Amino acid sequence: MTRTRNLPGVNRNFRNLWLAQTGSTTGDWFNQVALAQTTLAITHSAEAMGFVLLCRSFPGFVLGPLISPFVDHFDKKKVMIISD
């Protein structure tokens, strides 16, 4: 058995990062579900719900490729901490 199979159990820093990222991703998912349900409850329109979710994901989809080369010049650890 390789050591990488149990990396979260062995490396404390990796485990903390993994748990924090899991919590953050779960929170983002709940936010998206709540936003969709609230929009649907207020407007009773699937089209409006789709538009709101599109507006939520659009900045990352458009700005990600444009900002990536600029961000590559900075310390990766600091960028990760600031962006999340």
PDB file of N, CA and C in Angstrom:
ATOM      1  N   MET A   1       0.840  -1.177   0.000  1.00  0.00           N
ATOM      2  CA  MET A   1       0.000   0.000   0.000  1.00  0.00           C
ATOM      3  C   MET A   1       0.890   1.246   0.000  1.00  0.00           C
ATOM      4  N   THR A   2       0.544   2.185  -0.850  1.00  0.00           N
ATOM      5  CA  THR A   2       1.331   3.407  -0.918  1.00  0.00           C
ATOM      6  C   THR A   2       0.910   4.382   0.176  1.00  0.00           C
ATOM      7  N   ARG A   3       1.792   5.270   0.511  1.00  0.00           N
ATOM      8  CA  ARG A   3       1.506   6.247   1.561  1.00  0.00           C
ATOM      9  C   ARG A   3       0.484   7.285   1.123  1.00  0.00           C
ATOM     10  N   THR A   4       0.328   7.514  -0.168  1.00  0.00           N
ATOM     11  CA  THR A   4      -0.602   8.533  -0.635  1.00  0.00           C
ATOM     12  C   THR A   4      -2.053   8.125  -0.449  1.00  0.00           C
ATOM     13  N   ARG A   5      -2.329   6.861  -0.251  1.00  0.00           N
ATOM     14  CA  ARG A   5      -3.713   6.413  -0.070  1.00  0.00           C
ATOM     15  C   ARG A   5      -4.286   6.925   1.242  1.00  0.00           C
ATOM     16  N   ASN A   6      -3.446   7.138   2.245  1.00  0.00           N
ATOM     17  CA  ASN A   6      -3.907   7.593   3.540  1.00  0.00           C
ATOM     18  C   ASN A   6      -3.355   8.984   3.858  1.00  0.00           C
ATOM     19  N   LEU A   7      -3.193   9.809   2.857  1.00  0.00           N
ATOM     20  CA  LEU A   7      -2.592  11.113   3.048  1.00  0.00           C
ATOM     21  C   LEU A   7      -3.357  11.989   4.041  1.00  0.00           C
ATOM     22  N   PRO A   8      -4.695  12.056   4.007  1.00  0.00           N
ATOM     23  CA  PRO A   8      -5.381  12.885   5.005  1.00  0.00           C
ATOM     24  C   PRO A   8      -5.159  12.408   6.440  1.00  0.00           C
ATOM     25  N   GLY A   9      -4.944  11.121   6.637  1.00  0.00           N
ATOM     26  CA  GLY A   9      -4.717  10.613   7.980  1.00  0.00           C
ATOM     27  C   GLY A   9      -3.306  10.838   8.475  1.00  0.00           C
ATOM     28  N   VAL A  10      -2.361  10.984   7.565  1.00  0.00           N
ATOM     29  CA  VAL A  10      -0.952  11.100   7.934  1.00  0.00           C
ATOM     30  C   VAL A  10      -0.512  12.558   8.029  1.00  0.00           C
ATOM     31  N   ASN A  11      -0.885  13.360   7.061  1.00  0.00           N
ATOM     32  CA  ASN A  11      -0.416  14.738   6.982  1.00  0.00           C
ATOM     33  C   ASN A  11      -1.478  15.684   7.548  1.00  0.00           C
ATOM     34  N   ARG A  12      -1.194  16.285   8.687  1.00  0.00           N
ATOM     35  CA  ARG A  12      -2.156  17.146   9.381  1.00  0.00           C
ATOM     36  C   ARG A  12      -2.524  18.368   8.546  1.00  0.00           C
ATOM     37  N   ASN A  13      -1.544  18.991   7.912  1.00  0.00           N
ATOM     38  CA  ASN A  13      -1.818  20.175   7.089  1.00  0.00           C
ATOM     39  C   ASN A  13      -2.725  19.842   5.904  1.00  0.00           C
ATOM     40  N   PHE A  14      -2.452  18.712   5.260  1.00  0.00           N
ATOM     41  CA  PHE A  14      -3.295  18.301   4.141  1.00  0.00           C
ATOM     42  C   PHE A  14      -4.709  18.004   4.620  1.00  0.00           C
ATOM     43  N   ARG A  15      -4.844  17.341   5.757  1.00  0.00           N
ATOM     44  CA  ARG A  15      -6.165  17.022   6.308  1.00  0.00           C
ATOM     45  C   ARG A  15      -6.950  18.298   6.597  1.00  0.00           C
ATOM     46  N   ASN A  16      -6.300  19.286   7.211  1.00  0.00           N
ATOM     47  CA  ASN A  16      -6.982  20.547   7.512  1.00  0.00           C
ATOM     48  C   ASN A  16      -7.410  21.279   6.240  1.00  0.00           C
ATOM     49  N   LEU A  17      -6.536  21.295   5.251  1.00  0.00           N
ATOM     50  CA  LEU A  17      -6.876  21.923   3.977  1.00  0.00           C
ATOM     51  C   LEU A  17      -8.023  21.186   3.304  1.00  0.00           C
ATOM     52  N   TRP A  18      -7.973  19.867   3.321  1.00  0.00           N
ATOM     53  CA  TRP A  18      -9.017  19.060   2.692  1.00  0.00           C
ATOM     54  C   TRP A  18     -10.361  19.280   3.378  1.00  0.00           C
ATOM     55  N   LEU A  19     -10.376  19.282   4.708  1.00  0.00           N
ATOM     56  CA  LEU A  19     -11.624  19.504   5.446  1.00  0.00           C
ATOM     57  C   LEU A  19     -12.182  20.906   5.207  1.00  0.00           C
ATOM     58  N   ALA A  20     -11.304  21.899   5.182  1.00  0.00           N
ATOM     59  CA  ALA A  20     -11.751  23.269   4.924  1.00  0.00           C
ATOM     60  C   ALA A  20     -12.329  23.398   3.523  1.00  0.00           C
ATOM     61  N   GLN A  21     -11.681  22.785   2.548  1.00  0.00           N
ATOM     62  CA  GLN A  21     -12.179  22.861   1.170  1.00  0.00           C
ATOM     63  C   GLN A  21     -13.499  22.112   1.022  1.00  0.00           C
ATOM     64  N   THR A  22     -13.628  20.988   1.706  1.00  0.00           N
ATOM     65  CA  THR A  22     -14.887  20.240   1.678  1.00  0.00           C
ATOM     66  C   THR A  22     -16.021  21.078   2.266  1.00  0.00           C
ATOM     67  N   GLY A  23     -15.756  21.741   3.387  1.00  0.00           N
ATOM     68  CA  GLY A  23     -16.766  22.614   3.990  1.00  0.00           C
ATOM     69  C   GLY A  23     -17.122  23.779   3.093  1.00  0.00           C
ATOM     70  N   SER A  24     -16.137  24.367   2.456  1.00  0.00           N
ATOM     71  CA  SER A  24     -16.383  25.492   1.564  1.00  0.00           C
ATOM     72  C   SER A  24     -17.208  25.069   0.349  1.00  0.00           C
ATOM     73  N   THR A  25     -16.867  23.940  -0.222  1.00  0.00           N
ATOM     74  CA  THR A  25     -17.606  23.444  -1.389  1.00  0.00           C
ATOM     75  C   THR A  25     -19.048  23.095  -1.019  1.00  0.00           C
ATOM     76  N   THR A  26     -19.229  22.490   0.140  1.00  0.00           N
ATOM     77  CA  THR A  26     -20.575  22.165   0.609  1.00  0.00           C
ATOM     78  C   THR A  26     -21.387  23.441   0.818  1.00  0.00           C
ATOM     79  N   GLY A  27     -20.773  24.458   1.405  1.00  0.00           N
ATOM     80  CA  GLY A  27     -21.454  25.738   1.590  1.00  0.00           C
ATOM     81  C   GLY A  27     -21.839  26.386   0.274  1.00  0.00           C
ATOM     82  N   ASP A  28     -20.954  26.327  -0.707  1.00  0.00           N
ATOM     83  CA  ASP A  28     -21.260  26.876  -2.035  1.00  0.00           C
ATOM     84  C   ASP A  28     -22.437  26.145  -2.670  1.00  0.00           C
ATOM     85  N   TRP A  29     -22.468  24.827  -2.496  1.00  0.00           N
ATOM     86  CA  TRP A  29     -23.557  24.039  -3.069  1.00  0.00           C
ATOM     87  C   TRP A  29     -24.889  24.406  -2.411  1.00  0.00           C
ATOM     88  N   PHE A  30     -24.904  24.508  -1.082  1.00  0.00           N
ATOM     89  CA  PHE A  30     -26.128  24.896  -0.376  1.00  0.00           C
ATOM     90  C   PHE A  30     -26.573  26.302  -0.785  1.00  0.00           C
ATOM     91  N   ASN A  31     -25.622  27.200  -0.978  1.00  0.00           N
ATOM     92  CA  ASN A  31     -25.945  28.552  -1.420  1.00  0.00           C
ATOM     93  C   ASN A  31     -26.628  28.521  -2.780  1.00  0.00           C
ATOM     94  N   GLN A  32     -26.111  27.719  -3.689  1.00  0.00           N
ATOM     95  CA  GLN A  32     -26.694  27.648  -5.029  1.00  0.00           C
ATOM     96  C   GLN A  32     -28.102  27.049  -4.988  1.00  0.00           C
ATOM     97  N   VAL A  33     -28.288  26.006  -4.192  1.00  0.00           N
ATOM     98  CA  VAL A  33     -29.615  25.397  -4.069  1.00  0.00           C
ATOM     99  C   VAL A  33     -30.600  26.386  -3.450  1.00  0.00           C
ATOM    100  N   ALA A  34     -30.178  27.081  -2.390  1.00  0.00           N
ATOM    101  CA  ALA A  34     -31.059  28.051  -1.730  1.00  0.00           C
ATOM    102  C   ALA A  34     -31.398  29.203  -2.668  1.00  0.00           C
ATOM    103  N   LEU A  35     -30.425  29.673  -3.428  1.00  0.00           N
ATOM    104  CA  LEU A  35     -30.666  30.757  -4.375  1.00  0.00           C
ATOM    105  C   LEU A  35     -31.670  30.329  -5.445  1.00  0.00           C
ATOM    106  N   ALA A  36     -31.517  29.119  -5.948  1.00  0.00           N
ATOM    107  CA  ALA A  36     -32.449  28.612  -6.960  1.00  0.00           C
ATOM    108  C   ALA A  36     -33.851  28.478  -6.390  1.00  0.00           C
ATOM    109  N   GLN A  37     -33.976  27.917  -5.200  1.00  0.00           N
ATOM    110  CA  GLN A  37     -35.289  27.716  -4.590  1.00  0.00           C
ATOM    111  C   GLN A  37     -35.956  29.042  -4.236  1.00  0.00           C
ATOM    112  N   THR A  38     -35.180  29.999  -3.748  1.00  0.00           N
ATOM    113  CA  THR A  38     -35.744  31.305  -3.411  1.00  0.00           C
ATOM    114  C   THR A  38     -36.225  32.029  -4.660  1.00  0.00           C
ATOM    115  N   THR A  39     -35.433  31.981  -5.695  1.00  0.00           N
ATOM    116  CA  THR A  39     -35.838  32.618  -6.956  1.00  0.00           C
ATOM    117  C   THR A  39     -37.099  31.970  -7.509  1.00  0.00           C
ATOM    118  N   LEU A  40     -37.162  30.666  -7.462  1.00  0.00           N
ATOM    119  CA  LEU A  40     -38.342  29.965  -7.959  1.00  0.00           C
ATOM    120  C   LEU A  40     -39.567  30.273  -7.106  1.00  0.00           C
ATOM    121  N   ALA A  41     -39.399  30.359  -5.797  1.00  0.00           N
ATOM    122  CA  ALA A  41     -40.529  30.655  -4.911  1.00  0.00           C
ATOM    123  C   ALA A  41     -41.048  32.079  -5.112  1.00  0.00           C
ATOM    124  N   ILE A  42     -40.152  33.017  -5.375  1.00  0.00           N
ATOM    125  CA  ILE A  42     -40.571  34.410  -5.534  1.00  0.00           C
ATOM    126  C   ILE A  42     -41.188  34.664  -6.910  1.00  0.00           C
ATOM    127  N   THR A  43     -40.569  34.123  -7.950  1.00  0.00           N
ATOM    128  CA  THR A  43     -41.010  34.445  -9.317  1.00  0.00           C
ATOM    129  C   THR A  43     -41.897  33.383  -9.945  1.00  0.00           C
ATOM    130  N   HIS A  44     -41.850  32.168  -9.452  1.00  0.00           N
ATOM    131  CA  HIS A  44     -42.582  31.030 -10.056  1.00  0.00           C
ATOM    132  C   HIS A  44     -42.210  30.860 -11.525  1.00  0.00           C
ATOM    133  N   SER A  45     -40.946  31.123 -11.826  1.00  0.00           N
ATOM    134  CA  SER A  45     -40.484  31.043 -13.205  1.00  0.00           C
ATOM    135  C   SER A  45     -39.156  30.299 -13.259  1.00  0.00           C
ATOM    136  N   ALA A  46     -39.157  29.199 -13.993  1.00  0.00           N
ATOM    137  CA  ALA A  46     -37.920  28.448 -14.166  1.00  0.00           C
ATOM    138  C   ALA A  46     -36.920  29.252 -14.996  1.00  0.00           C
ATOM    139  N   GLU A  47     -37.430  30.079 -15.886  1.00  0.00           N
ATOM    140  CA  GLU A  47     -36.562  30.921 -16.704  1.00  0.00           C
ATOM    141  C   GLU A  47     -35.805  31.928 -15.841  1.00  0.00           C
ATOM    142  N   ALA A  48     -36.487  32.548 -14.896  1.00  0.00           N
ATOM    143  CA  ALA A  48     -35.837  33.497 -13.987  1.00  0.00           C
ATOM    144  C   ALA A  48     -34.806  32.779 -13.113  1.00  0.00           C
ATOM    145  N   MET A  49     -35.155  31.576 -12.666  1.00  0.00           N
ATOM    146  CA  MET A  49     -34.218  30.811 -11.845  1.00  0.00           C
ATOM    147  C   MET A  49     -32.957  30.498 -12.657  1.00  0.00           C
ATOM    148  N   GLY A  50     -33.119  30.089 -13.883  1.00  0.00           N
ATOM    149  CA  GLY A  50     -31.975  29.803 -14.743  1.00  0.00           C
ATOM    150  C   GLY A  50     -31.127  31.034 -14.985  1.00  0.00           C
ATOM    151  N   PHE A  51     -31.775  32.173 -15.159  1.00  0.00           N
ATOM    152  CA  PHE A  51     -31.045  33.417 -15.388  1.00  0.00           C
ATOM    153  C   PHE A  51     -30.236  33.815 -14.156  1.00  0.00           C
ATOM    154  N   VAL A  52     -30.820  33.676 -12.968  1.00  0.00           N
ATOM    155  CA  VAL A  52     -30.108  34.006 -11.728  1.00  0.00           C
ATOM    156  C   VAL A  52     -28.896  33.090 -11.550  1.00  0.00           C
ATOM    157  N   LEU A  53     -29.067  31.807 -11.798  1.00  0.00           N
ATOM    158  CA  LEU A  53     -27.941  30.876 -11.673  1.00  0.00           C
ATOM    159  C   LEU A  53     -26.875  31.134 -12.735  1.00  0.00           C
ATOM    160  N   LEU A  54     -27.297  31.541 -13.919  1.00  0.00           N
ATOM    161  CA  LEU A  54     -26.335  31.916 -14.957  1.00  0.00           C
ATOM    162  C   LEU A  54     -25.529  33.142 -14.525  1.00  0.00           C
ATOM    163  N   CYS A  55     -26.204  34.125 -13.962  1.00  0.00           N
ATOM    164  CA  CYS A  55     -25.515  35.339 -13.490  1.00  0.00           C
ATOM    165  C   CYS A  55     -24.559  35.015 -12.347  1.00  0.00           C
ATOM    166  N   ARG A  56     -24.893  34.020 -11.547  1.00  0.00           N
ATOM    167  CA  ARG A  56     -24.021  33.638 -10.429  1.00  0.00           C
ATOM    168  C   ARG A  56     -22.728  32.992 -10.927  1.00  0.00           C
ATOM    169  N   SER A  57     -22.812  32.194 -11.978  1.00  0.00           N
ATOM    170  CA  SER A  57     -21.628  31.474 -12.453  1.00  0.00           C
ATOM    171  C   SER A  57     -20.884  32.208 -13.573  1.00  0.00           C
ATOM    172  N   PHE A  58     -21.498  33.197 -14.158  1.00  0.00           N
ATOM    173  CA  PHE A  58     -20.918  33.894 -15.305  1.00  0.00           C
ATOM    174  C   PHE A  58     -19.577  34.580 -15.012  1.00  0.00           C
ATOM    175  N   PRO A  59     -19.413  35.309 -13.893  1.00  0.00           N
ATOM    176  CA  PRO A  59     -18.123  35.988 -13.667  1.00  0.00           C
ATOM    177  C   PRO A  59     -16.934  35.033 -13.621  1.00  0.00           C
ATOM    178  N   GLY A  60     -17.069  33.917 -12.935  1.00  0.00           N
ATOM    179  CA  GLY A  60     -15.966  32.962 -12.877  1.00  0.00           C
ATOM    180  C   GLY A  60     -15.679  32.329 -14.226  1.00  0.00           C
ATOM    181  N   PHE A  61     -16.728  32.105 -14.989  1.00  0.00           N
ATOM    182  CA  PHE A  61     -16.578  31.488 -16.305  1.00  0.00           C
ATOM    183  C   PHE A  61     -15.884  32.425 -17.297  1.00  0.00           C
ATOM    184  N   VAL A  62     -16.200  33.701 -17.213  1.00  0.00           N
ATOM    185  CA  VAL A  62     -15.633  34.668 -18.155  1.00  0.00           C
ATOM    186  C   VAL A  62     -14.289  35.201 -17.668  1.00  0.00           C
ATOM    187  N   LEU A  63     -14.220  35.575 -16.381  1.00  0.00           N
ATOM    188  CA  LEU A  63     -13.001  36.203 -15.873  1.00  0.00           C
ATOM    189  C   LEU A  63     -11.882  35.211 -15.587  1.00  0.00           C
ATOM    190  N   GLY A  64     -12.220  33.961 -15.329  1.00  0.00           N
ATOM    191  CA  GLY A  64     -11.202  32.963 -15.015  1.00  0.00           C
ATOM    192  C   GLY A  64     -10.091  32.872 -16.045  1.00  0.00           C
ATOM    193  N   PRO A  65     -10.406  32.655 -17.313  1.00  0.00           N
ATOM    194  CA  PRO A  65      -9.344  32.570 -18.322  1.00  0.00           C
ATOM    195  C   PRO A  65      -8.587  33.884 -18.539  1.00  0.00           C
ATOM    196  N   LEU A  66      -9.247  35.004 -18.277  1.00  0.00           N
ATOM    197  CA  LEU A  66      -8.589  36.293 -18.490  1.00  0.00           C
ATOM    198  C   LEU A  66      -7.632  36.652 -17.363  1.00  0.00           C
ATOM    199  N   ILE A  67      -7.968  36.278 -16.140  1.00  0.00           N
ATOM    200  CA  ILE A  67      -7.168  36.655 -14.978  1.00  0.00           C
ATOM    201  C   ILE A  67      -6.088  35.619 -14.662  1.00  0.00           C
ATOM    202  N   SER A  68      -6.239  34.399 -15.134  1.00  0.00           N
ATOM    203  CA  SER A  68      -5.284  33.333 -14.812  1.00  0.00           C
ATOM    204  C   SER A  68      -3.830  33.675 -15.117  1.00  0.00           C
ATOM    205  N   PRO A  69      -3.493  34.203 -16.277  1.00  0.00           N
ATOM    206  CA  PRO A  69      -2.084  34.527 -16.528  1.00  0.00           C
ATOM    207  C   PRO A  69      -1.535  35.591 -15.572  1.00  0.00           C
ATOM    208  N   PHE A  70      -2.370  36.529 -15.170  1.00  0.00           N
ATOM    209  CA  PHE A  70      -1.959  37.572 -14.237  1.00  0.00           C
ATOM    210  C   PHE A  70      -1.702  36.990 -12.843  1.00  0.00           C
ATOM    211  N   VAL A  71      -2.563  36.104 -12.393  1.00  0.00           N
ATOM    212  CA  VAL A  71      -2.456  35.516 -11.057  1.00  0.00           C
ATOM    213  C   VAL A  71      -1.247  34.585 -10.949  1.00  0.00           C
ATOM    214  N   ASP A  72      -0.794  34.019 -12.049  1.00  0.00           N
ATOM    215  CA  ASP A  72       0.346  33.100 -12.035  1.00  0.00           C
ATOM    216  C   ASP A  72       1.639  33.758 -11.561  1.00  0.00           C
ATOM    217  N   HIS A  73       1.681  35.076 -11.539  1.00  0.00           N
ATOM    218  CA  HIS A  73       2.897  35.776 -11.115  1.00  0.00           C
ATOM    219  C   HIS A  73       2.996  35.937  -9.600  1.00  0.00           C
ATOM    220  N   PHE A  74       1.945  35.543  -8.865  1.00  0.00           N
ATOM    221  CA  PHE A  74       1.927  35.702  -7.418  1.00  0.00           C
ATOM    222  C   PHE A  74       2.136  34.367  -6.710  1.00  0.00           C
ATOM    223  N   ASP A  75       2.396  34.438  -5.411  1.00  0.00           N
ATOM    224  CA  ASP A  75       2.579  33.247  -4.588  1.00  0.00           C
ATOM    225  C   ASP A  75       1.281  32.434  -4.570  1.00  0.00           C
ATOM    226  N   LYS A  76       1.369  31.157  -4.929  1.00  0.00           N
ATOM    227  CA  LYS A  76       0.184  30.310  -5.056  1.00  0.00           C
ATOM    228  C   LYS A  76      -0.568  30.161  -3.738  1.00  0.00           C
ATOM    229  N   LYS A  77       0.160  30.035  -2.643  1.00  0.00           N
ATOM    230  CA  LYS A  77      -0.478  29.844  -1.338  1.00  0.00           C
ATOM    231  C   LYS A  77      -1.291  31.078  -0.946  1.00  0.00           C
ATOM    232  N   LYS A  78      -0.726  32.263  -1.139  1.00  0.00           N
ATOM    233  CA  LYS A  78      -1.440  33.491  -0.797  1.00  0.00           C
ATOM    234  C   LYS A  78      -2.666  33.686  -1.677  1.00  0.00           C
ATOM    235  N   VAL A  79      -2.548  33.378  -2.961  1.00  0.00           N
ATOM    236  CA  VAL A  79      -3.680  33.508  -3.871  1.00  0.00           C
ATOM    237  C   VAL A  79      -4.802  32.559  -3.468  1.00  0.00           C
ATOM    238  N   MET A  80      -4.452  31.333  -3.091  1.00  0.00           N
ATOM    239  CA  MET A  80      -5.456  30.358  -2.687  1.00  0.00           C
ATOM    240  C   MET A  80      -6.186  30.816  -1.423  1.00  0.00           C
ATOM    241  N   ILE A  81      -5.450  31.343  -0.458  1.00  0.00           N
ATOM    242  CA  ILE A  81      -6.065  31.784   0.788  1.00  0.00           C
ATOM    243  C   ILE A  81      -6.962  32.998   0.551  1.00  0.00           C
ATOM    244  N   ILE A  82      -6.511  33.943  -0.239  1.00  0.00           N
ATOM    245  CA  ILE A  82      -7.286  35.154  -0.483  1.00  0.00           C
ATOM    246  C   ILE A  82      -8.523  34.872  -1.332  1.00  0.00           C
ATOM    247  N   SER A  83      -8.414  34.008  -2.319  1.00  0.00           N
ATOM    248  CA  SER A  83      -9.519  33.787  -3.250  1.00  0.00           C
ATOM    249  C   SER A  83     -10.634  32.931  -2.687  1.00  0.00           C
ATOM    250  N   ASP A  84     -10.354  32.155  -1.672  1.00  0.00           N
ATOM    251  CA  ASP A  84     -11.429  31.303  -1.138  1.00  0.00           C
ATOM    252  C   ASP A  84     -11.916  31.936   0.110  1.00  0.00           C
TER     253      ASP A  84
END
